[in-house]
C-alpha atoms as a PDB file:
ATOM      1  CA  UNK A   1      -5.881  34.073 -11.863  1.00  0.00           C
ATOM      2  CA  UNK A   2      -3.441  31.227 -12.449  1.00  0.00           C
ATOM      3  CA  UNK A   3      -4.785  27.927 -11.137  1.00  0.00           C
ATOM      4  CA  UNK A   4      -2.160  25.282 -10.503  1.00  0.00           C
ATOM      5  CA  UNK A   5      -4.687  22.569  -9.586  1.00  0.00           C
ATOM      6  CA  UNK A   6      -8.025  21.829 -11.238  1.00  0.00           C
ATOM      7  CA  UNK A   7     -10.309  18.916 -10.357  1.00  0.00           C
ATOM      8  CA  UNK A   8     -10.773  16.742 -13.434  1.00  0.00           C
ATOM      9  CA  UNK A   9     -12.731  13.627 -14.402  1.00  0.00           C
ATOM     10  CA  UNK A  10     -11.373  10.414 -15.922  1.00  0.00           C
ATOM     11  CA  UNK A  11     -13.390   7.413 -17.175  1.00  0.00           C
ATOM     12  CA  UNK A  12     -12.283   4.978 -14.448  1.00  0.00           C
ATOM     13  CA  UNK A  13     -13.437   6.966 -11.400  1.00  0.00           C
ATOM     14  CA  UNK A  14     -16.266   5.774  -9.151  1.00  0.00           C
ATOM     15  CA  UNK A  15     -18.609   7.930  -7.086  1.00  0.00           C
ATOM     16  CA  UNK A  16     -19.144   7.235  -3.388  1.00  0.00           C
ATOM     17  CA  UNK A  17     -21.697   9.521  -1.686  1.00  0.00           C
ATOM     18  CA  UNK A  18     -21.243  11.892  -4.617  1.00  0.00           C
ATOM     19  CA  UNK A  19     -17.448  12.126  -4.182  1.00  0.00           C
ATOM     20  CA  UNK A  20     -15.152  10.905  -6.981  1.00  0.00           C
ATOM     21  CA  UNK A  21     -12.658   8.132  -6.191  1.00  0.00           C
ATOM     22  CA  UNK A  22      -9.867   8.773  -6.810  1.00  0.00           C
ATOM     23  CA  UNK A  23      -9.961  12.553  -6.925  1.00  0.00           C
ATOM     24  CA  UNK A  24      -7.958  13.739  -9.967  1.00  0.00           C
ATOM     25  CA  UNK A  25      -6.037  17.031 -10.155  1.00  0.00           C
ATOM     26  CA  UNK A  26      -4.567  18.379 -13.399  1.00  0.00           C
ATOM     27  CA  UNK A  27      -2.826  21.706 -14.197  1.00  0.00           C
ATOM     28  CA  UNK A  28      -5.175  24.664 -14.622  1.00  0.00           C
ATOM     29  CA  UNK A  29      -5.170  27.030 -17.567  1.00  0.00           C
ATOM     30  CA  UNK A  30      -1.752  28.623 -17.957  1.00  0.00           C
ATOM     31  CA  UNK A  31      -0.130  26.237 -15.483  1.00  0.00           C
ATOM     32  CA  UNK A  32       0.652  23.460 -17.988  1.00  0.00           C
ATOM     33  CA  UNK A  33       3.883  25.075 -19.150  1.00  0.00           C
ATOM     34  CA  UNK A  34       5.211  25.919 -15.698  1.00  0.00           C
ATOM     35  CA  UNK A  35       8.039  23.816 -14.278  1.00  0.00           C
ATOM     36  CA  UNK A  36       8.613  21.558 -11.321  1.00  0.00           C
ATOM     37  CA  UNK A  37       9.579  24.378  -8.939  1.00  0.00           C
ATOM     38  CA  UNK A  38       6.188  26.034  -9.506  1.00  0.00           C
ATOM     39  CA  UNK A  39       4.482  22.724  -8.703  1.00  0.00           C
ATOM     40  CA  UNK A  40       6.452  22.148  -5.479  1.00  0.00           C
ATOM     41  CA  UNK A  41       5.877  25.761  -4.361  1.00  0.00           C
ATOM     42  CA  UNK A  42       2.150  25.382  -5.073  1.00  0.00           C
ATOM     43  CA  UNK A  43       2.015  22.139  -3.053  1.00  0.00           C
ATOM     44  CA  UNK A  44       3.613  23.921  -0.090  1.00  0.00           C
ATOM     45  CA  UNK A  45       1.240  26.897  -0.455  1.00  0.00           C
ATOM     46  CA  UNK A  46      -1.892  24.727  -0.749  1.00  0.00           C
ATOM     47  CA  UNK A  47      -0.952  21.892   1.611  1.00  0.00           C
ATOM     48  CA  UNK A  48      -3.992  22.225   3.970  1.00  0.00           C
ATOM     49  CA  UNK A  49      -6.356  22.191   0.971  1.00  0.00           C
ATOM     50  CA  UNK A  50      -4.586  19.202  -0.608  1.00  0.00           C
ATOM     51  CA  UNK A  51      -4.719  17.338   2.718  1.00  0.00           C
ATOM     52  CA  UNK A  52      -8.445  18.060   3.009  1.00  0.00           C
ATOM     53  CA  UNK A  53      -8.972  16.599  -0.483  1.00  0.00           C
ATOM     54  CA  UNK A  54      -7.028  13.480   0.506  1.00  0.00           C
ATOM     55  CA  UNK A  55      -9.049  13.158   3.708  1.00  0.00           C
ATOM     56  CA  UNK A  56     -12.311  13.448   1.780  1.00  0.00           C
ATOM     57  CA  UNK A  57     -11.421  11.175  -1.142  1.00  0.00           C
ATOM     58  CA  UNK A  58      -8.820   8.764   0.297  1.00  0.00           C
ATOM     59  CA  UNK A  59      -6.824   8.947  -2.950  1.00  0.00           C
ATOM     60  CA  UNK A  60      -5.607  11.876  -5.049  1.00  0.00           C
ATOM     61  CA  UNK A  61      -4.060  11.461  -8.511  1.00  0.00           C
ATOM     62  CA  UNK A  62      -1.849  14.280  -9.857  1.00  0.00           C
ATOM     63  CA  UNK A  63      -1.788  13.942 -13.642  1.00  0.00           C
ATOM     64  CA  UNK A  64      -0.070  15.922 -16.446  1.00  0.00           C
ATOM     65  CA  UNK A  65       2.274  17.792 -14.088  1.00  0.00           C
ATOM     66  CA  UNK A  66       6.014  18.172 -14.948  1.00  0.00           C
ATOM     67  CA  UNK A  67       7.231  15.192 -12.902  1.00  0.00           C
ATOM     68  CA  UNK A  68       9.479  13.027 -15.059  1.00  0.00           C
ATOM     69  CA  UNK A  69      12.281  11.537 -12.931  1.00  0.00           C
ATOM     70  CA  UNK A  70      12.729   9.868  -9.555  1.00  0.00           C
ATOM     71  CA  UNK A  71      14.445  13.030  -8.352  1.00  0.00           C
ATOM     72  CA  UNK A  72      11.437  15.139  -9.442  1.00  0.00           C
ATOM     73  CA  UNK A  73       9.170  12.757  -7.563  1.00  0.00           C
ATOM     74  CA  UNK A  74      11.347  13.044  -4.448  1.00  0.00           C
ATOM     75  CA  UNK A  75      10.971  16.846  -4.655  1.00  0.00           C
ATOM     76  CA  UNK A  76       7.170  16.462  -4.813  1.00  0.00           C
ATOM     77  CA  UNK A  77       7.156  14.155  -1.774  1.00  0.00           C
ATOM     78  CA  UNK A  78       9.407  16.579   0.137  1.00  0.00           C
ATOM     79  CA  UNK A  79       7.098  19.493  -0.768  1.00  0.00           C
ATOM     80  CA  UNK A  80       4.205  17.853   1.076  1.00  0.00           C
ATOM     81  CA  UNK A  81       6.350  17.842   4.218  1.00  0.00           C
ATOM     82  CA  UNK A  82       5.165  14.550   5.728  1.00  0.00           C
ATOM     83  CA  UNK A  83       7.678  12.712   7.942  1.00  0.00           C
ATOM     84  CA  UNK A  84       9.378   9.724   6.310  1.00  0.00           C
ATOM     85  CA  UNK A  85       8.656   6.184   7.527  1.00  0.00           C
ATOM     86  CA  UNK A  86      11.607   3.754   7.248  1.00  0.00           C
ATOM     87  CA  UNK A  87      10.637   0.476   5.564  1.00  0.00           C
ATOM     88  CA  UNK A  88      11.259  -1.856   8.534  1.00  0.00           C
ATOM     89  CA  UNK A  89       9.206  -5.045   8.817  1.00  0.00           C
ATOM     90  CA  UNK A  90       7.607  -4.942   5.367  1.00  0.00           C
ATOM     91  CA  UNK A  91       7.572  -8.026   3.135  1.00  0.00           C
ATOM     92  CA  UNK A  92       8.234  -6.657  -0.351  1.00  0.00           C
ATOM     93  CA  UNK A  93      11.672  -6.613  -1.965  1.00  0.00           C
ATOM     94  CA  UNK A  94      12.511  -2.946  -2.659  1.00  0.00           C
ATOM     95  CA  UNK A  95      15.537  -0.885  -3.659  1.00  0.00           C
ATOM     96  CA  UNK A  96      16.252   2.685  -2.578  1.00  0.00           C
ATOM     97  CA  UNK A  97      16.437   4.990  -5.605  1.00  0.00           C
ATOM     98  CA  UNK A  98      16.988   8.557  -4.393  1.00  0.00           C
ATOM     99  CA  UNK A  99      16.216  10.464  -1.194  1.00  0.00           C
ATOM    100  CA  UNK A 100      12.948   9.108   0.190  1.00  0.00           C
ATOM    101  CA  UNK A 101      12.076   7.169  -2.961  1.00  0.00           C
ATOM    102  CA  UNK A 102      12.076   3.376  -3.307  1.00  0.00           C
ATOM    103  CA  UNK A 103      11.077   0.967  -6.029  1.00  0.00           C
ATOM    104  CA  UNK A 104       7.614  -0.444  -5.447  1.00  0.00           C
ATOM    105  CA  UNK A 105       7.364  -4.227  -4.957  1.00  0.00           C
ATOM    106  CA  UNK A 106       9.948  -5.748  -7.323  1.00  0.00           C
ATOM    107  CA  UNK A 107       8.260  -9.149  -7.678  1.00  0.00           C
ATOM    108  CA  UNK A 108       8.105 -10.596 -11.224  1.00  0.00           C
ATOM    109  CA  UNK A 109       5.725  -8.924 -13.716  1.00  0.00           C
ATOM    110  CA  UNK A 110       3.542 -11.999 -14.228  1.00  0.00           C
ATOM    111  CA  UNK A 111       2.628 -12.024 -10.530  1.00  0.00           C
ATOM    112  CA  UNK A 112      -0.398 -10.253  -9.118  1.00  0.00           C
ATOM    113  CA  UNK A 113       0.076  -8.520  -5.756  1.00  0.00           C
ATOM    114  CA  UNK A 114      -3.165  -8.866  -3.751  1.00  0.00           C
ATOM    115  CA  UNK A 115      -5.033  -6.046  -1.982  1.00  0.00           C
ATOM    116  CA  UNK A 116      -3.511  -4.808   1.260  1.00  0.00           C
ATOM    117  CA  UNK A 117      -3.088  -1.795   3.470  1.00  0.00           C
ATOM    118  CA  UNK A 118       0.632  -1.019   3.426  1.00  0.00           C
ATOM    119  CA  UNK A 119       2.385  -2.838   6.307  1.00  0.00           C
ATOM    120  CA  UNK A 120      -0.942  -3.693   8.005  1.00  0.00           C
ATOM    121  CA  UNK A 121       0.792  -6.725   9.516  1.00  0.00           C
ATOM    122  CA  UNK A 122       3.115  -4.600  11.701  1.00  0.00           C
ATOM    123  CA  UNK A 123       2.211  -2.042  14.401  1.00  0.00           C
ATOM    124  CA  UNK A 124       4.052   0.899  12.814  1.00  0.00           C
ATOM    125  CA  UNK A 125       2.659   1.460   9.338  1.00  0.00           C
ATOM    126  CA  UNK A 126       2.626   4.497   7.047  1.00  0.00           C
ATOM    127  CA  UNK A 127      -0.360   6.848   7.193  1.00  0.00           C
ATOM    128  CA  UNK A 128       0.236   7.990   3.610  1.00  0.00           C
ATOM    129  CA  UNK A 129       1.838   6.502   0.483  1.00  0.00           C
ATOM    130  CA  UNK A 130       3.016   8.109  -2.711  1.00  0.00           C
ATOM    131  CA  UNK A 131       3.358   6.245  -6.009  1.00  0.00           C
ATOM    132  CA  UNK A 132       4.949   7.651  -9.166  1.00  0.00           C
ATOM    133  CA  UNK A 133       4.898   6.266 -12.691  1.00  0.00           C
ATOM    134  CA  UNK A 134       8.348   6.821 -14.188  1.00  0.00           C
ATOM    135  CA  UNK A 135       7.840   4.323 -17.039  1.00  0.00           C
ATOM    136  CA  UNK A 136       4.282   3.390 -17.949  1.00  0.00           C
ATOM    137  CA  UNK A 137       3.545  -0.316 -18.452  1.00  0.00           C
ATOM    138  CA  UNK A 138       3.383  -2.002 -21.844  1.00  0.00           C
ATOM    139  CA  UNK A 139       0.005  -3.453 -20.873  1.00  0.00           C
ATOM    140  CA  UNK A 140      -1.610  -4.047 -17.470  1.00  0.00           C
ATOM    141  CA  UNK A 141       0.308  -3.112 -14.342  1.00  0.00           C
ATOM    142  CA  UNK A 142      -2.401  -0.948 -12.820  1.00  0.00           C
ATOM    143  CA  UNK A 143      -2.404  -0.283  -9.073  1.00  0.00           C
ATOM    144  CA  UNK A 144      -6.072  -0.931  -8.214  1.00  0.00           C
ATOM    145  CA  UNK A 145      -7.368   0.901  -5.129  1.00  0.00           C
ATOM    146  CA  UNK A 146     -10.427   0.287  -2.971  1.00  0.00           C
ATOM    147  CA  UNK A 147     -12.057   2.133  -0.053  1.00  0.00           C
ATOM    148  CA  UNK A 148     -11.530   0.131   3.126  1.00  0.00           C
ATOM    149  CA  UNK A 149     -14.747   1.120   4.924  1.00  0.00           C
ATOM    150  CA  UNK A 150     -16.808  -0.068   1.944  1.00  0.00           C
ATOM    151  CA  UNK A 151     -15.133  -3.495   2.166  1.00  0.00           C
ATOM    152  CA  UNK A 152     -15.818  -3.618   5.920  1.00  0.00           C
ATOM    153  CA  UNK A 153     -19.486  -2.684   5.427  1.00  0.00           C
ATOM    154  CA  UNK A 154     -20.030  -5.306   2.728  1.00  0.00           C
ATOM    155  CA  UNK A 155     -18.254  -8.045   4.707  1.00  0.00           C
ATOM    156  CA  UNK A 156     -20.159  -7.155   7.896  1.00  0.00           C
ATOM    157  CA  UNK A 157     -23.483  -7.300   6.036  1.00  0.00           C
ATOM    158  CA  UNK A 158     -22.704 -10.649   4.384  1.00  0.00           C
ATOM    159  CA  UNK A 159     -20.677 -12.428   7.105  1.00  0.00           C
ATOM    160  CA  UNK A 160     -21.612 -10.838  10.468  1.00  0.00           C
ATOM    161  CA  UNK A 161     -20.431 -13.795  12.585  1.00  0.00           C
ATOM    162  CA  UNK A 162     -17.085 -14.062  10.795  1.00  0.00           C
ATOM    163  CA  UNK A 163     -16.462 -10.317  11.104  1.00  0.00           C
ATOM    164  CA  UNK A 164     -17.409 -10.374  14.799  1.00  0.00           C
ATOM    165  CA  UNK A 165     -14.935 -13.208  15.388  1.00  0.00           C
ATOM    166  CA  UNK A 166     -12.280 -11.300  13.451  1.00  0.00           C
ATOM    167  CA  UNK A 167     -12.904  -8.173  15.565  1.00  0.00           C
ATOM    168  CA  UNK A 168     -12.703 -10.189  18.788  1.00  0.00           C
ATOM    169  CA  UNK A 169      -9.672 -12.351  17.984  1.00  0.00           C
ATOM    170  CA  UNK A 170      -7.656 -10.420  15.413  1.00  0.00           C
ATOM    171  CA  UNK A 171      -5.177 -12.128  13.095  1.00  0.00           C
ATOM    172  CA  UNK A 172      -1.828 -13.879  13.385  1.00  0.00           C
ATOM    173  CA  UNK A 173       0.675 -13.573  10.513  1.00  0.00           C
ATOM    174  CA  UNK A 174       3.532 -16.058   9.990  1.00  0.00           C
ATOM    175  CA  UNK A 175       6.227 -15.672   7.353  1.00  0.00           C
ATOM    176  CA  UNK A 176       9.525 -17.500   6.759  1.00  0.00           C
ATOM    177  CA  UNK A 177      12.377 -15.241   5.603  1.00  0.00           C
ATOM    178  CA  UNK A 178      15.610 -16.293   3.960  1.00  0.00           C
ATOM    179  CA  UNK A 179      18.861 -14.582   4.819  1.00  0.00           C
ATOM    180  CA  UNK A 180      19.000 -12.528   1.614  1.00  0.00           C
ATOM    181  CA  UNK A 181      16.362 -11.081  -0.715  1.00  0.00           C
ATOM    182  CA  UNK A 182      14.661 -13.414  -3.189  1.00  0.00           C
ATOM    183  CA  UNK A 183      13.582 -11.250  -6.170  1.00  0.00           C
ATOM    184  CA  UNK A 184      11.516 -14.114  -7.601  1.00  0.00           C
ATOM    185  CA  UNK A 185       9.055 -13.844  -4.680  1.00  0.00           C
ATOM    186  CA  UNK A 186       6.486 -11.099  -3.936  1.00  0.00           C
ATOM    187  CA  UNK A 187       7.335 -11.568  -0.238  1.00  0.00           C
ATOM    188  CA  UNK A 188      11.002 -12.319  -0.833  1.00  0.00           C
ATOM    189  CA  UNK A 189      12.601  -9.765   1.460  1.00  0.00           C
ATOM    190  CA  UNK A 190      15.325 -11.498   3.475  1.00  0.00           C
ATOM    191  CA  UNK A 191      15.733 -10.921   7.205  1.00  0.00           C
ATOM    192  CA  UNK A 192      18.839  -8.752   6.745  1.00  0.00           C
ATOM    193  CA  UNK A 193      17.012  -6.148   4.651  1.00  0.00           C
ATOM    194  CA  UNK A 194      13.745  -6.570   6.600  1.00  0.00           C
ATOM    195  CA  UNK A 195      15.473  -5.512   9.833  1.00  0.00           C
ATOM    196  CA  UNK A 196      18.214  -3.413   8.165  1.00  0.00           C
ATOM    197  CA  UNK A 197      21.034  -5.333   9.864  1.00  0.00           C
ATOM    198  CA  UNK A 198      23.484  -8.238   9.387  1.00  0.00           C
ATOM    199  CA  UNK A 199      23.332  -9.092  13.088  1.00  0.00           C
ATOM    200  CA  UNK A 200      20.824 -11.591  14.536  1.00  0.00           C
ATOM    201  CA  UNK A 201      20.746  -9.916  17.973  1.00  0.00           C
ATOM    202  CA  UNK A 202      19.949  -6.541  16.402  1.00  0.00           C
ATOM    203  CA  UNK A 203      17.297  -8.216  14.227  1.00  0.00           C
ATOM    204  CA  UNK A 204      15.709  -9.698  17.364  1.00  0.00           C
ATOM    205  CA  UNK A 205      15.638  -6.274  19.062  1.00  0.00           C
ATOM    206  CA  UNK A 206      14.048  -4.635  16.016  1.00  0.00           C
ATOM    207  CA  UNK A 207      11.536  -7.471  15.688  1.00  0.00           C
ATOM    208  CA  UNK A 208      10.631  -7.088  19.386  1.00  0.00           C
ATOM    209  CA  UNK A 209      10.029  -3.358  18.845  1.00  0.00           C
ATOM    210  CA  UNK A 210       7.473  -4.351  16.195  1.00  0.00           C
ATOM    211  CA  UNK A 211       5.914  -6.901  18.549  1.00  0.00           C
ATOM    212  CA  UNK A 212       7.228  -9.698  16.323  1.00  0.00           C
ATOM    213  CA  UNK A 213       8.614 -13.043  17.532  1.00  0.00           C
ATOM    214  CA  UNK A 214      11.513 -14.688  15.671  1.00  0.00           C
ATOM    215  CA  UNK A 215      12.287 -18.402  15.477  1.00  0.00           C
ATOM    216  CA  UNK A 216      15.677 -19.000  13.849  1.00  0.00           C
ATOM    217  CA  UNK A 217      15.910 -21.837  11.324  1.00  0.00           C
ATOM    218  CA  UNK A 218      18.838 -23.439   9.528  1.00  0.00           C
ATOM    219  CA  UNK A 219      18.591 -21.206   6.442  1.00  0.00           C
ATOM    220  CA  UNK A 220      16.453 -18.309   7.649  1.00  0.00           C
ATOM    221  CA  UNK A 221      13.937 -17.230  10.275  1.00  0.00           C
ATOM    222  CA  UNK A 222      10.233 -17.657  10.958  1.00  0.00           C
ATOM    223  CA  UNK A 223       8.504 -14.402  11.933  1.00  0.00           C
ATOM    224  CA  UNK A 224       5.296 -14.482  13.970  1.00  0.00           C
ATOM    225  CA  UNK A 225       3.219 -11.333  14.332  1.00  0.00           C
ATOM    226  CA  UNK A 226       0.091 -11.090  16.388  1.00  0.00           C
ATOM    227  CA  UNK A 227      -2.534 -11.376  17.357  1.00  0.00           C
ATOM    228  CA  UNK A 228      -3.100  -7.901  15.929  1.00  0.00           C
ATOM    229  CA  UNK A 229      -6.405  -6.231  14.985  1.00  0.00           C
ATOM    230  CA  UNK A 230      -7.972  -7.036  11.612  1.00  0.00           C
ATOM    231  CA  UNK A 231     -10.421  -4.144  11.845  1.00  0.00           C
ATOM    232  CA  UNK A 232      -9.454  -0.668  13.001  1.00  0.00           C
ATOM    233  CA  UNK A 233     -11.471   2.418  13.844  1.00  0.00           C
ATOM    234  CA  UNK A 234     -10.565   5.474  11.774  1.00  0.00           C
ATOM    235  CA  UNK A 235     -10.973   8.241  14.353  1.00  0.00           C
ATOM    236  CA  UNK A 236     -10.643  11.066  11.837  1.00  0.00           C
ATOM    237  CA  UNK A 237     -13.550   9.781   9.716  1.00  0.00           C
ATOM    238  CA  UNK A 238     -15.393   7.954  12.527  1.00  0.00           C
ATOM    239  CA  UNK A 239     -15.802   4.642  10.731  1.00  0.00           C
ATOM    240  CA  UNK A 240     -14.475   1.096  10.869  1.00  0.00           C
ATOM    241  CA  UNK A 241     -11.983  -0.040   8.219  1.00  0.00           C
ATOM    242  CA  UNK A 242     -10.875  -3.406   6.847  1.00  0.00           C
ATOM    243  CA  UNK A 243      -7.291  -2.840   7.971  1.00  0.00           C
ATOM    244  CA  UNK A 244      -5.515  -6.129   7.414  1.00  0.00           C
ATOM    245  CA  UNK A 245      -3.439  -8.224   5.040  1.00  0.00           C
ATOM    246  CA  UNK A 246      -5.722 -11.243   5.346  1.00  0.00           C
ATOM    247  CA  UNK A 247      -6.560 -11.709   1.666  1.00  0.00           C
ATOM    248  CA  UNK A 248      -3.036 -10.746   0.583  1.00  0.00           C
ATOM    249  CA  UNK A 249      -1.415 -13.284   2.918  1.00  0.00           C
ATOM    250  CA  UNK A 250      -3.926 -16.083   2.307  1.00  0.00           C
ATOM    251  CA  UNK A 251      -3.875 -15.785  -1.491  1.00  0.00           C
ATOM    252  CA  UNK A 252      -0.423 -14.341  -2.172  1.00  0.00           C
ATOM    253  CA  UNK A 253       2.190 -15.082   0.489  1.00  0.00           C
ATOM    254  CA  UNK A 254       3.470 -18.045  -1.444  1.00  0.00           C
ATOM    255  CA  UNK A 255       7.020 -18.975  -2.378  1.00  0.00           C
ATOM    256  CA  UNK A 256       9.525 -21.790  -1.797  1.00  0.00           C
ATOM    257  CA  UNK A 257       9.476 -21.091   1.966  1.00  0.00           C
ATOM    258  CA  UNK A 258       5.855 -20.113   2.583  1.00  0.00           C
ATOM    259  CA  UNK A 259       2.441 -21.800   2.385  1.00  0.00           C
ATOM    260  CA  UNK A 260      -0.163 -19.002   2.122  1.00  0.00           C
ATOM    261  CA  UNK A 261      -2.871 -20.951   4.005  1.00  0.00           C
ATOM    262  CA  UNK A 262      -0.552 -21.077   7.052  1.00  0.00           C
ATOM    263  CA  UNK A 263       0.577 -17.456   6.593  1.00  0.00           C
ATOM    264  CA  UNK A 264      -2.501 -15.990   8.301  1.00  0.00           C
ATOM    265  CA  UNK A 265      -4.899 -17.407  10.894  1.00  0.00           C
ATOM    266  CA  UNK A 266      -7.309 -16.099  13.489  1.00  0.00           C
ATOM    267  CA  UNK A 267      -5.432 -14.593  16.427  1.00  0.00           C
ATOM    268  CA  UNK A 268      -6.024 -17.784  18.427  1.00  0.00           C
ATOM    269  CA  UNK A 269      -4.323 -19.882  15.723  1.00  0.00           C
ATOM    270  CA  UNK A 270      -7.540 -21.321  14.269  1.00  0.00           C
ATOM    271  CA  UNK A 271      -7.613 -21.545  10.445  1.00  0.00           C
ATOM    272  CA  UNK A 272      -9.565 -19.036   8.384  1.00  0.00           C
ATOM    273  CA  UNK A 273     -12.479 -20.199   6.188  1.00  0.00           C
ATOM    274  CA  UNK A 274     -11.221 -20.308   2.586  1.00  0.00           C
ATOM    275  CA  UNK A 275     -14.655 -19.650   1.025  1.00  0.00           C
ATOM    276  CA  UNK A 276     -15.064 -16.371   2.942  1.00  0.00           C
ATOM    277  CA  UNK A 277     -11.514 -15.241   2.110  1.00  0.00           C
ATOM    278  CA  UNK A 278     -12.107 -15.785  -1.600  1.00  0.00           C
ATOM    279  CA  UNK A 279     -15.477 -14.029  -1.419  1.00  0.00           C
ATOM    280  CA  UNK A 280     -13.743 -11.079   0.254  1.00  0.00           C
ATOM    281  CA  UNK A 281     -11.307 -11.055  -2.680  1.00  0.00           C
ATOM    282  CA  UNK A 282     -14.328 -10.906  -5.011  1.00  0.00           C
ATOM    283  CA  UNK A 283     -15.756  -7.928  -3.082  1.00  0.00           C
ATOM    284  CA  UNK A 284     -12.380  -6.153  -3.289  1.00  0.00           C
ATOM    285  CA  UNK A 285     -12.304  -6.672  -7.070  1.00  0.00           C
ATOM    286  CA  UNK A 286     -15.907  -5.462  -7.467  1.00  0.00           C
ATOM    287  CA  UNK A 287     -15.330  -2.252  -5.517  1.00  0.00           C
ATOM    288  CA  UNK A 288     -11.867  -1.371  -6.798  1.00  0.00           C
ATOM    289  CA  UNK A 289     -10.823   1.299  -9.278  1.00  0.00           C
ATOM    290  CA  UNK A 290      -7.918   0.491 -11.616  1.00  0.00           C
ATOM    291  CA  UNK A 291      -6.648   3.603 -13.409  1.00  0.00           C
ATOM    292  CA  UNK A 292      -4.100   2.811 -16.155  1.00  0.00           C
ATOM    293  CA  UNK A 293      -0.783   4.475 -15.322  1.00  0.00           C
ATOM    294  CA  UNK A 294       0.484   7.343 -17.455  1.00  0.00           C
ATOM    295  CA  UNK A 295       4.084   8.540 -17.290  1.00  0.00           C
ATOM    296  CA  UNK A 296       4.388  11.306 -14.707  1.00  0.00           C
ATOM    297  CA  UNK A 297       1.357  10.268 -12.637  1.00  0.00           C
ATOM    298  CA  UNK A 298       1.708  10.828  -8.892  1.00  0.00           C
ATOM    299  CA  UNK A 299      -0.830   8.946  -6.767  1.00  0.00           C
ATOM    300  CA  UNK A 300      -1.214   9.898  -3.103  1.00  0.00           C
ATOM    301  CA  UNK A 301      -3.055   7.368  -0.923  1.00  0.00           C
ATOM    302  CA  UNK A 302      -4.321   7.664   2.638  1.00  0.00           C
ATOM    303  CA  UNK A 303      -3.314   4.273   4.063  1.00  0.00           C
ATOM    304  CA  UNK A 304      -6.081   4.595   6.693  1.00  0.00           C
ATOM    305  CA  UNK A 305      -8.726   4.770   3.966  1.00  0.00           C
ATOM    306  CA  UNK A 306      -7.517   2.745   0.979  1.00  0.00           C
ATOM    307  CA  UNK A 307      -6.175  -0.728   0.157  1.00  0.00           C
ATOM    308  CA  UNK A 308      -4.084  -1.163  -2.987  1.00  0.00           C
ATOM    309  CA  UNK A 309      -2.783  -4.004  -5.162  1.00  0.00           C
ATOM    310  CA  UNK A 310      -0.872  -4.547  -8.417  1.00  0.00           C
ATOM    311  CA  UNK A 311      -1.999  -6.286 -11.570  1.00  0.00           C
ATOM    312  CA  UNK A 312       0.385  -8.346 -13.729  1.00  0.00           C
ATOM    313  CA  UNK A 313       1.976  -6.464 -16.626  1.00  0.00           C
ATOM    314  CA  UNK A 314       4.073  -6.662 -19.749  1.00  0.00           C
ATOM    315  CA  UNK A 315       7.333  -4.736 -19.268  1.00  0.00           C
ATOM    316  CA  UNK A 316       8.530  -2.104 -19.259  1.00  0.00           C
ATOM    317  CA  UNK A 317       7.030  -0.638 -16.069  1.00  0.00           C
ATOM    318  CA  UNK A 318       8.689   1.401 -13.347  1.00  0.00           C
ATOM    319  CA  UNK A 319       6.521   2.650 -10.509  1.00  0.00           C
ATOM    320  CA  UNK A 320       8.301   4.200  -7.531  1.00  0.00           C
ATOM    321  CA  UNK A 321       7.020   4.685  -3.990  1.00  0.00           C
ATOM    322  CA  UNK A 322       7.560   6.693  -0.822  1.00  0.00           C
ATOM    323  CA  UNK A 323       6.131   5.975   2.638  1.00  0.00           C
ATOM    324  CA  UNK A 324       5.155   8.637   5.184  1.00  0.00           C
ATOM    325  CA  UNK A 325       4.433   8.437   8.915  1.00  0.00           C
END
C-alpha cells in the first residue's frame, strides 16, 4: 500500500512524555516521486489524522515533499481547510505574496526575534500557523520552537509568587507606531498597515474591536493593549500555557520609537522584574528545539501549544507564513 506520510526521526527532536517534538513526516515508499496534487489530495483525505498528530505534538514538520514555490505552499495551506486569519494588530512588517501566504517577519537578518505566541498581545490570534522554507538560510535562521506548558510549569516551580501575580493581574503592552512601515525594525509595522487603513477614524474603530486604546502623536500613534491574560488555560489539552509576549516585548520591542522595558508591564502598570524576565528567556532557550531549515520544509504549529522565535542568519533566507483562525 502506498503511504504518503511516514513518521521519521531527525537529530534535533526532543522527547516529552515519550512523544517527539516536533513530529516529522516524510514521504513513504513510492510516494517520493508523486507530485503536489497527490500531496494536497492526501492532506484532504487524512486531515483528521494530521490534526490529531498536531494536537498531540504541538508541531508537525513536513519534509522532502514536492513543495517548492509560494504558490505550492498556498495549495498545501488550502488543502488543510482551516479558515484564514487576517493579520490585523500584529507588530511584524510583512508583505503578502500569494493567496493566503505572507512573508514572515521581514526585520533585518542580524536581528533575533524573541520567543512569542503569534499575536498573543491581541484578543484575536491565530490557532494555527504554517511556515514554509522557500530559500534555506546561508547559516543560522532557524525558527526555534518550545512547548508553552513546559515553560509555564518551570516558571511556576521556580517563581510561584511572580506567576501568581501574573495570573491575577495580566500584562499591559504599549507600542508606538509610525505612520508607515519601518523595515529596519522587528516591530516596525506602521499604523496604516497594522489596521489596514489610511483613515484614523477607521483605525480607531479597528483598534477598539481588538480592545486596544490609541493615543495619537505628532508622527505616529501609541497603542495600549490590556490588561490581558499572560497565562491561558488550554481547554483541549487541559493544561495552563505561557501565552504571552512578555519576553519578546521586554527584550525585543526596541527601535527608534520604543523602549522595550516600557513596552510591557504588569496589568496594573507596575514594572516587571528584569532578572525574572531574563531567567524566563534562559528557560525558553533550554527547552527549545531549533531544526535547521531545508528548502521545501513546511512547519505547522499549534499556536495554543507552541511559542516560536527566529535566530539571526546570513542571507539568503526566505521563509513564508500563513495564519489560520
